[in-house]
Protein backbone atom coordinates (compact mmCIF):
# COMPACT_ATOMS: atom_id res chain seq x y z
CA UNK A 1 64.61 17.08 108.80
CA UNK A 2 66.30 14.81 106.27
CA UNK A 3 64.15 16.25 103.25
CA UNK A 4 61.66 13.84 103.36
CA UNK A 5 57.65 14.21 104.01
CA UNK A 6 56.94 13.69 107.64
CA UNK A 7 55.81 10.15 108.63
CA UNK A 8 51.68 9.89 109.05
CA UNK A 9 49.91 7.29 110.44
CA UNK A 10 46.00 7.06 109.50
CA UNK A 11 43.46 6.02 111.79
CA UNK A 12 39.37 6.11 111.31
CA UNK A 13 37.92 8.86 112.83
CA UNK A 14 35.50 7.11 115.05
CA UNK A 15 38.18 4.22 115.74
CA UNK A 16 38.49 0.92 114.08
CA UNK A 17 35.23 -0.56 115.12
CA UNK A 18 33.53 2.04 112.46
CA UNK A 19 35.09 -0.19 109.61
CA UNK A 20 32.91 -2.85 111.14
CA UNK A 21 30.15 -0.88 111.61
CA UNK A 22 30.43 0.52 108.02
CA UNK A 23 30.92 -3.02 106.67
CA UNK A 24 27.72 -4.52 108.11
CA UNK A 25 25.78 -1.40 107.28
CA UNK A 26 27.14 -2.14 103.89
CA UNK A 27 25.54 -5.74 104.08
CA UNK A 28 22.40 -4.67 105.51
CA UNK A 29 21.60 -2.29 102.62
CA UNK A 30 22.66 -5.15 99.95
CA UNK A 31 20.25 -8.06 101.91
CA UNK A 32 23.59 -9.89 103.05
CA UNK A 33 22.78 -11.64 105.93
CA UNK A 34 25.20 -12.02 108.64
CA UNK A 35 25.56 -14.57 111.03
CA UNK A 36 27.71 -14.19 114.56
CA UNK A 37 29.73 -16.82 116.10
CA UNK A 38 28.66 -19.29 113.41
CA UNK A 39 30.93 -22.09 113.69
CA UNK A 40 32.42 -22.75 110.08
CA UNK A 41 34.24 -26.24 109.74
CA UNK A 42 33.44 -27.06 106.03
CA UNK A 43 32.78 -25.61 103.30
CA UNK A 44 30.03 -27.55 102.14
CA UNK A 45 27.83 -26.60 105.34
CA UNK A 46 27.78 -23.23 104.53
CA UNK A 47 24.91 -21.50 102.50
CA UNK A 48 27.02 -18.73 101.31
CA UNK A 49 29.42 -18.01 98.05
CA UNK A 50 31.52 -15.89 100.27
CA UNK A 51 32.94 -15.91 103.96
CA UNK A 52 34.47 -12.97 106.03
CA UNK A 53 36.24 -15.27 108.77
CA UNK A 54 37.52 -13.57 111.93
CA UNK A 55 39.07 -16.40 113.97
CA UNK A 56 42.52 -17.44 113.87
CA UNK A 57 43.55 -18.92 110.54
CA UNK A 58 45.07 -21.89 112.47
CA UNK A 59 41.88 -23.07 113.89
CA UNK A 60 39.99 -23.31 110.43
CA UNK A 61 42.95 -24.39 108.72
CA UNK A 62 43.93 -26.82 111.74
CA UNK A 63 47.77 -25.58 111.34
CA UNK A 64 49.12 -25.81 114.62
CA UNK A 65 52.38 -23.65 113.47
CA UNK A 66 50.12 -20.43 113.68
CA UNK A 67 49.88 -19.81 117.00
CA UNK A 68 48.77 -16.81 118.95
CA UNK A 69 49.38 -14.60 122.21
CA UNK A 70 46.95 -13.27 124.55
CA UNK A 71 46.41 -9.84 126.22
CA UNK A 72 45.38 -8.60 129.42
CA UNK A 73 42.44 -5.94 128.78
CA UNK A 74 42.36 -3.78 132.15
CA UNK A 75 39.48 -1.20 132.54
CA UNK A 76 39.89 1.27 135.04
CA UNK A 77 36.71 3.79 136.02
CA UNK A 78 38.54 6.91 136.64
CA UNK A 79 36.83 10.28 138.07
CA UNK A 80 36.12 12.82 135.21
CA UNK A 81 39.02 14.93 133.60
CA UNK A 82 41.24 12.17 134.22
CA UNK A 83 41.65 11.80 130.43
CA UNK A 84 42.26 13.80 127.39
CA UNK A 85 40.00 13.79 124.14
CA UNK A 86 41.85 10.99 122.49
CA UNK A 87 40.17 8.04 121.76
CA UNK A 88 43.71 5.77 121.53
CA UNK A 89 47.00 6.10 122.93
CA UNK A 90 49.50 4.32 121.38
CA UNK A 91 52.78 3.97 123.78
CA UNK A 92 55.45 1.80 122.06
CA UNK A 93 57.89 2.31 125.02
CA UNK A 94 59.31 -0.98 126.61
CA UNK A 95 59.15 0.93 130.41
CA UNK A 96 55.33 0.37 130.00
CA UNK A 97 53.44 -2.69 130.73
CA UNK A 98 50.94 -1.51 128.29
CA UNK A 99 50.93 -0.91 124.54
CA UNK A 100 47.96 0.78 123.90
CA UNK A 101 44.93 2.38 126.08
CA UNK A 102 41.93 3.61 124.69
CA UNK A 103 38.45 5.40 126.10
CA UNK A 104 35.60 2.70 124.89
CA UNK A 105 32.79 5.80 125.12
CA UNK A 106 34.96 7.61 122.47
CA UNK A 107 34.18 4.61 119.99
CA UNK A 108 30.34 4.14 121.17
CA UNK A 109 28.11 6.54 123.18
CA UNK A 110 26.69 2.89 124.48
CA UNK A 111 29.91 2.43 126.42
CA UNK A 112 29.80 5.61 128.23
CA UNK A 113 29.35 5.24 131.82
CA UNK A 114 27.73 8.09 133.90
CA UNK A 115 30.18 10.41 135.88
CA UNK A 116 33.17 8.39 135.12
CA UNK A 117 35.84 8.15 132.32
CA UNK A 118 36.55 4.52 131.46
CA UNK A 119 40.03 3.84 130.16
CA UNK A 120 40.68 0.12 129.04
CA UNK A 121 44.42 -0.62 129.01
CA UNK A 122 45.68 -3.36 127.02
CA UNK A 123 48.88 -5.71 128.52
CA UNK A 124 50.27 -8.13 125.95
CA UNK A 125 50.52 -11.90 127.70
CA UNK A 126 54.34 -11.85 126.72
CA UNK A 127 56.42 -12.08 129.59
CA UNK A 128 53.80 -12.47 132.03
CA UNK A 129 52.10 -15.60 131.12
CA UNK A 130 48.41 -16.09 131.34
CA UNK A 131 47.83 -15.80 134.95
CA UNK A 132 48.83 -12.09 136.46
CA UNK A 133 46.29 -10.25 138.36
CA UNK A 134 46.89 -6.72 137.08
CA UNK A 135 44.13 -5.39 139.51
CA UNK A 136 46.41 -6.27 142.48
CA UNK A 137 48.79 -3.69 140.95
CA UNK A 138 46.52 -1.10 139.91
CA UNK A 139 48.89 1.90 141.73
CA UNK A 140 51.58 0.60 139.56
CA UNK A 141 49.67 0.64 136.20
CA UNK A 142 48.21 4.01 137.39
CA UNK A 143 51.77 5.42 137.69
CA UNK A 144 53.06 4.29 134.55
CA UNK A 145 50.02 5.77 132.50
CA UNK A 146 50.38 9.00 134.35
CA UNK A 147 54.06 8.94 133.39
CA UNK A 148 53.09 8.23 129.68
CA UNK A 149 51.05 11.18 129.87
CA UNK A 150 47.54 9.15 129.39
CA UNK A 151 46.17 9.93 132.72
CA UNK A 152 45.81 13.34 134.62
CA UNK A 153 45.68 13.63 138.17
CA UNK A 154 45.77 11.56 141.16
CA UNK A 155 42.61 10.38 141.92
CA UNK A 156 42.23 6.55 142.43
CA UNK A 157 40.24 4.78 140.23
CA UNK A 158 36.90 4.02 141.70
CA UNK A 159 36.53 0.55 139.84
CA UNK A 160 39.44 -1.62 137.92
CA UNK A 161 38.25 -5.25 136.16
CA UNK A 162 40.84 -7.42 134.34
CA UNK A 163 39.77 -9.43 131.57
CA UNK A 164 42.38 -12.13 129.81
CA UNK A 165 41.37 -12.50 125.95
CA UNK A 166 43.20 -15.53 124.43
CA UNK A 167 44.64 -15.71 120.66
CA UNK A 168 44.89 -11.92 120.16
CA UNK A 169 48.39 -11.23 118.69
CA UNK A 170 49.73 -13.72 116.15
CA UNK A 171 53.32 -14.91 116.81
CA UNK A 172 55.42 -14.61 113.83
CA UNK A 173 58.26 -17.35 114.49
CA UNK A 174 60.59 -18.49 111.98
CA UNK A 175 58.93 -20.62 109.43
CA UNK A 176 55.63 -18.68 109.79
CA UNK A 177 55.40 -17.80 106.09
CA UNK A 178 55.42 -21.34 105.13
CA UNK A 179 52.80 -22.29 107.46
CA UNK A 180 50.80 -19.42 106.44
CA UNK A 181 50.84 -20.55 102.97
CA UNK A 182 49.99 -23.75 103.73
CA UNK A 183 46.86 -22.64 105.43
CA UNK A 184 45.59 -20.63 103.13
CA UNK A 185 46.09 -23.05 100.40
CA UNK A 186 44.10 -25.60 102.54
CA UNK A 187 41.30 -23.05 103.10
CA UNK A 188 41.15 -22.08 99.36
C-alpha cells in the first residue's frame, strides 16, 4: 500500500525441528560427538573444543537477573479433519490465551496418532502463574481455537493433556542487556 515490499515471515518448511535435525546430521557426518542432557558446570570438565549450550544462559553463568517464564503446553486429540494443512498457527491476538498452536505430526511422522489429529497449544505463563488447569477449561480453549480459525468442526476432543514447562521464554526486564553482557563475559 505504501510502496514498500510486502512483509514476509520465513519459517523452515518442516518446522524448527528440521534445523536441529540438520545440525545433528552434519555432526554425525563429521564425527562430532553429541551428548544430550550433559551438565556443563566448568569448561575444565569438558572434553571438547567447542560447546553448543541450549539451556538458559543465566544457569550457566549464575546470573540471577536473567529470568524466564514458563508455558502451558496443552495437547488436544481431535477428530480427523478438524485441522487444516498448516503445521503452525501464530495468533498474536490478546483475546486468545494462546499465541501459537501446532500439529506435532507435521514435524515428525513419529508423532502422528492413528485416527486423530493432535494439536499442541502453547499458553504463556504470563498472567496465569504456574498452577492453572487448562484441561478443566478445554471447552473455553476450543471455542477460542475455533474463533481464531485453527480448529474446524464442533466435535469435542477425544483427550486433553497438559504439561507445564518452566523457563521457556526470557523475561526482558529493564537492565537485562547489562545482565546478559555480564553473563556472556563470564562464560567467555
